[in-house]
């Protein structure tokens, strides 16, 4: 059976003008899917309302104890339930999960080196059997990026990493395509020109594009991660906009 693991950013969840059409599209899909979402923007807004300082280092969030509480509330709570409710309203039997529910995503606390990231998790693995049990029962899992350590410690985890782990876990049983959504049509040769979309990227083309400096720093980690995921058994990775889940750029072997 073919399934898709679709990752959406937290910014999309806050914007009804984007979330509602996206859920319309998801409800019309003719294949099972797992939805993984972020929530960074929503967490920042909640922190501001509660008077908690948002601490960042090189664009990445430091999660102290107060920030972890907010992340759990925002990501596993409000963001997750907004998506679940929107899907349920469209007849999709969605079930909201965080990574700690049924231990579906386990991680470890990031070690302190040059900087202490606090309660930030690096993913170890996702339990594909738990997710498969839900999918086989006709349930659509909606997964937030709050994970757990072996010791039961809650950890704030990168949603892209969670989505990759979920896809790899499910690849043991299904033919899986991992879909990353972003605010562009896909991978573009010119970030200001949507018509410069690269429809398919192979390893040879990727090497050439990097050598020619036609793919820049922000996209390189995404494509590197895509190939790591493919090497772990996932069939393909798609990078696209939320309003074109079957389009954009397809990354293949």
Protein backbone atom coordinates (compact mmCIF):
# COMPACT_ATOMS: atom_id res chain seq x y z
CA UNK A 1 0.00 0.00 0.00
CA UNK A 2 1.19 3.50 -0.83
CA UNK A 3 0.98 6.26 1.77
CA UNK A 4 2.29 9.78 2.18
CA UNK A 5 3.81 11.45 5.22
CA UNK A 6 3.09 15.17 4.87
CA UNK A 7 4.89 17.80 6.95
CA UNK A 8 3.38 21.28 7.33
CA UNK A 9 4.84 24.24 9.18
CA UNK A 10 3.34 25.86 12.24
CA UNK A 11 2.86 29.13 10.38
CA UNK A 12 0.28 27.44 8.14
CA UNK A 13 -1.78 26.37 11.13
CA UNK A 14 -2.18 29.93 12.40
CA UNK A 15 -3.37 31.23 9.04
CA UNK A 16 -6.94 30.09 8.37
CA UNK A 17 -6.65 31.32 4.79
CA UNK A 18 -4.02 28.61 4.27
CA UNK A 19 -5.12 25.93 6.76
CA UNK A 20 -8.71 25.59 5.58
CA UNK A 21 -7.92 25.10 1.85
CA UNK A 22 -5.11 22.71 2.83
CA UNK A 23 -7.53 20.59 4.87
CA UNK A 24 -9.96 20.68 1.92
CA UNK A 25 -7.19 19.20 -0.24
CA UNK A 26 -6.19 16.63 2.38
CA UNK A 27 -9.79 15.44 2.74
CA UNK A 28 -9.92 14.72 -1.01
CA UNK A 29 -6.76 12.58 -1.09
CA UNK A 30 -7.38 9.04 -2.35
CA UNK A 31 -4.55 7.49 -0.33
CA UNK A 32 -3.83 7.19 3.42
CA UNK A 33 -1.55 9.79 4.95
CA UNK A 34 0.13 10.85 8.17
CA UNK A 35 0.34 14.56 8.90
CA UNK A 36 3.29 15.95 10.89
CA UNK A 37 3.19 19.61 11.88
CA UNK A 38 5.43 22.21 13.45
CA UNK A 39 4.33 25.13 15.56
CA UNK A 40 7.23 27.50 16.13
CA UNK A 41 5.31 30.67 15.29
CA UNK A 42 2.39 29.73 17.52
CA UNK A 43 4.79 28.95 20.36
CA UNK A 44 6.48 32.34 19.98
CA UNK A 45 3.14 34.15 20.05
CA UNK A 46 2.04 32.28 23.17
CA UNK A 47 5.37 33.00 24.87
CA UNK A 48 4.93 36.69 24.15
CA UNK A 49 1.43 36.68 25.66
CA UNK A 50 2.76 34.94 28.79
CA UNK A 51 5.78 37.20 29.09
CA UNK A 52 8.32 34.44 28.51
CA UNK A 53 11.43 35.45 26.58
CA UNK A 54 12.05 33.51 23.36
CA UNK A 55 15.73 32.59 23.23
CA UNK A 56 17.34 31.81 19.90
CA UNK A 57 20.80 30.87 18.69
CA UNK A 58 21.61 31.14 14.98
CA UNK A 59 17.91 31.03 14.17
CA UNK A 60 17.20 27.96 16.31
CA UNK A 61 15.13 27.90 19.47
CA UNK A 62 16.65 27.26 22.92
CA UNK A 63 14.10 25.42 25.08
CA UNK A 64 14.41 26.10 28.81
CA UNK A 65 11.85 24.72 31.29
CA UNK A 66 9.37 27.59 30.80
CA UNK A 67 9.69 27.41 27.02
CA UNK A 68 9.14 23.64 27.09
CA UNK A 69 5.83 24.14 28.93
CA UNK A 70 4.77 26.62 26.25
CA UNK A 71 5.90 24.32 23.43
CA UNK A 72 3.83 21.46 24.84
CA UNK A 73 0.78 23.71 25.19
CA UNK A 74 1.15 25.24 21.73
CA UNK A 75 2.30 22.28 19.63
CA UNK A 76 0.72 19.22 21.28
CA UNK A 77 -2.31 21.25 22.35
CA UNK A 78 -3.64 24.20 20.34
CA UNK A 79 -1.86 23.63 17.03
CA UNK A 80 -2.54 19.89 16.99
CA UNK A 81 -6.20 20.21 17.88
CA UNK A 82 -6.83 22.96 15.33
CA UNK A 83 -5.64 20.62 12.59
CA UNK A 84 -7.52 17.61 13.96
CA UNK A 85 -10.76 19.56 14.27
CA UNK A 86 -10.44 20.96 10.73
CA UNK A 87 -9.90 17.46 9.33
CA UNK A 88 -12.73 15.92 11.37
CA UNK A 89 -15.08 18.62 10.05
CA UNK A 90 -14.29 17.33 6.56
CA UNK A 91 -14.94 13.69 7.36
CA UNK A 92 -11.31 12.65 7.94
CA UNK A 93 -11.06 10.41 11.00
CA UNK A 94 -8.02 12.19 12.45
CA UNK A 95 -6.30 11.42 15.74
CA UNK A 96 -3.91 13.94 17.29
CA UNK A 97 -0.69 12.58 18.80
CA UNK A 98 2.48 13.96 20.23
CA UNK A 99 5.65 11.94 19.95
CA UNK A 100 5.23 10.71 23.53
CA UNK A 101 1.73 9.26 22.97
CA UNK A 102 2.18 5.49 22.68
CA UNK A 103 5.93 6.37 22.54
CA UNK A 104 5.47 6.92 18.83
CA UNK A 105 8.64 9.05 18.50
CA UNK A 106 11.57 8.60 20.84
CA UNK A 107 14.46 11.02 21.05
CA UNK A 108 17.36 11.97 23.26
CA UNK A 109 18.17 15.29 24.84
CA UNK A 110 20.74 17.17 22.78
CA UNK A 111 24.09 17.10 24.60
CA UNK A 112 25.65 20.33 25.82
CA UNK A 113 28.66 21.35 23.73
CA UNK A 114 29.26 24.96 22.76
CA UNK A 115 25.70 25.81 23.79
CA UNK A 116 23.05 24.35 26.08
CA UNK A 117 19.90 23.88 23.99
CA UNK A 118 17.87 22.89 27.04
CA UNK A 119 14.98 20.50 26.47
CA UNK A 120 15.61 20.00 22.75
CA UNK A 121 15.42 16.48 21.39
CA UNK A 122 17.27 14.74 18.57
CA UNK A 123 15.19 11.92 17.11
CA UNK A 124 16.23 8.30 17.62
CA UNK A 125 13.33 6.55 15.86
CA UNK A 126 9.61 6.46 15.23
CA UNK A 127 7.45 3.42 15.95
CA UNK A 128 6.05 2.53 12.54
CA UNK A 129 4.01 -0.34 13.99
CA UNK A 130 1.92 2.00 16.14
CA UNK A 131 1.26 4.33 13.22
CA UNK A 132 0.50 1.37 10.93
CA UNK A 133 -2.05 0.09 13.46
CA UNK A 134 -3.87 3.44 13.27
CA UNK A 135 -3.66 3.65 9.48
CA UNK A 136 -4.96 0.09 9.07
CA UNK A 137 -7.92 1.03 11.28
CA UNK A 138 -8.78 3.94 8.98
CA UNK A 139 -7.36 6.59 11.33
CA UNK A 140 -5.25 9.51 10.12
CA UNK A 141 -2.47 10.30 12.65
CA UNK A 142 -1.68 14.00 13.15
CA UNK A 143 1.69 14.17 14.91
CA UNK A 144 3.12 17.14 16.81
CA UNK A 145 6.89 17.47 17.46
CA UNK A 146 6.82 16.97 21.23
CA UNK A 147 8.78 13.76 21.77
CA UNK A 148 10.06 11.78 24.73
CA UNK A 149 13.33 10.31 25.93
CA UNK A 150 13.81 6.79 27.27
CA UNK A 151 13.57 8.35 30.76
CA UNK A 152 10.16 9.88 30.01
CA UNK A 153 11.47 13.42 29.60
CA UNK A 154 9.44 15.65 27.26
CA UNK A 155 11.53 17.22 24.50
CA UNK A 156 10.92 19.90 21.88
CA UNK A 157 11.99 18.41 18.56
CA UNK A 158 12.44 19.63 15.00
CA UNK A 159 9.30 18.76 13.02
CA UNK A 160 11.24 18.00 9.81
CA UNK A 161 13.27 15.42 11.74
CA UNK A 162 10.09 13.92 13.20
CA UNK A 163 8.52 13.67 9.73
CA UNK A 164 11.62 11.94 8.35
CA UNK A 165 11.63 9.45 11.24
CA UNK A 166 7.91 8.74 10.79
CA UNK A 167 8.43 8.11 7.07
CA UNK A 168 11.35 5.77 7.76
CA UNK A 169 9.39 3.89 10.40
CA UNK A 170 6.47 3.33 8.04
CA UNK A 171 8.71 2.33 5.13
CA UNK A 172 9.15 -1.05 6.79
CA UNK A 173 5.57 -1.88 5.78
CA UNK A 174 4.42 0.58 3.10
CA UNK A 175 5.62 2.34 -0.04
CA UNK A 176 6.17 5.82 1.42
CA UNK A 177 6.55 9.27 -0.06
CA UNK A 178 7.60 12.04 2.31
CA UNK A 179 6.22 15.50 1.47
CA UNK A 180 7.72 18.70 2.86
CA UNK A 181 5.66 21.85 2.32
CA UNK A 182 7.08 25.35 2.16
CA UNK A 183 6.07 28.79 0.91
CA UNK A 184 7.48 28.21 -2.59
CA UNK A 185 6.38 25.98 -5.46
CA UNK A 186 9.31 23.68 -4.74
CA UNK A 187 13.06 23.86 -5.34
CA UNK A 188 13.67 26.89 -7.58
CA UNK A 189 16.72 27.87 -9.60
CA UNK A 190 15.71 31.48 -8.88
CA UNK A 191 13.96 31.95 -5.52
CA UNK A 192 12.07 34.94 -6.96
CA UNK A 193 10.82 33.10 -10.03
CA UNK A 194 8.23 30.36 -9.51
CA UNK A 195 8.61 29.31 -13.17
CA UNK A 196 12.21 28.20 -12.45
CA UNK A 197 10.92 25.10 -10.63
CA UNK A 198 13.10 21.98 -10.80
CA UNK A 199 10.53 19.18 -11.19
CA UNK A 200 12.85 16.22 -10.46
CA UNK A 201 16.20 16.02 -8.68
CA UNK A 202 18.47 13.00 -9.04
CA UNK A 203 21.79 12.55 -7.20
CA UNK A 204 23.73 13.49 -10.35
CA UNK A 205 21.68 16.65 -10.94
CA UNK A 206 21.95 17.62 -7.27
CA UNK A 207 25.74 17.33 -7.37
CA UNK A 208 25.85 19.46 -10.51
CA UNK A 209 23.52 22.12 -9.10
CA UNK A 210 25.67 22.38 -5.96
CA UNK A 211 28.86 22.59 -7.99
CA UNK A 212 27.31 25.37 -10.09
CA UNK A 213 26.07 27.10 -6.87
CA UNK A 214 22.49 27.06 -8.17
CA UNK A 215 21.16 25.57 -4.93
CA UNK A 216 21.83 27.71 -1.89
CA UNK A 217 22.44 27.15 1.82
CA UNK A 218 18.81 27.08 3.00
CA UNK A 219 17.79 24.31 0.59
CA UNK A 220 20.95 22.16 0.88
CA UNK A 221 20.09 20.73 4.35
CA UNK A 222 16.57 19.87 3.13
CA UNK A 223 17.82 17.94 0.12
CA UNK A 224 20.64 16.30 2.11
CA UNK A 225 18.01 15.17 4.61
CA UNK A 226 15.81 13.95 1.76
CA UNK A 227 18.56 11.67 0.50
CA UNK A 228 19.29 10.33 3.99
CA UNK A 229 15.61 9.47 4.26
CA UNK A 230 15.58 7.76 0.86
CA UNK A 231 18.68 5.77 1.79
CA UNK A 232 16.74 4.51 4.83
CA UNK A 233 13.99 2.96 2.72
CA UNK A 234 11.58 5.80 1.85
CA UNK A 235 10.69 5.73 -1.86
CA UNK A 236 10.86 9.46 -2.60
CA UNK A 237 10.71 12.92 -1.07
CA UNK A 238 8.61 15.76 -2.47
CA UNK A 239 9.25 19.44 -1.72
CA UNK A 240 6.26 21.57 -2.64
CA UNK A 241 3.72 24.18 -1.59
CA UNK A 242 0.73 23.22 0.59
CA UNK A 243 -1.70 23.92 -2.25
CA UNK A 244 -0.06 21.42 -4.63
CA UNK A 245 0.70 18.25 -2.67
CA UNK A 246 1.32 16.17 -5.81
CA UNK A 247 3.46 18.77 -7.56
CA UNK A 248 6.60 20.70 -6.72
CA UNK A 249 10.00 19.01 -6.77
CA UNK A 250 10.41 15.25 -6.52
CA UNK A 251 13.71 14.02 -5.04
CA UNK A 252 14.50 10.47 -6.22
CA UNK A 253 17.35 7.95 -6.19
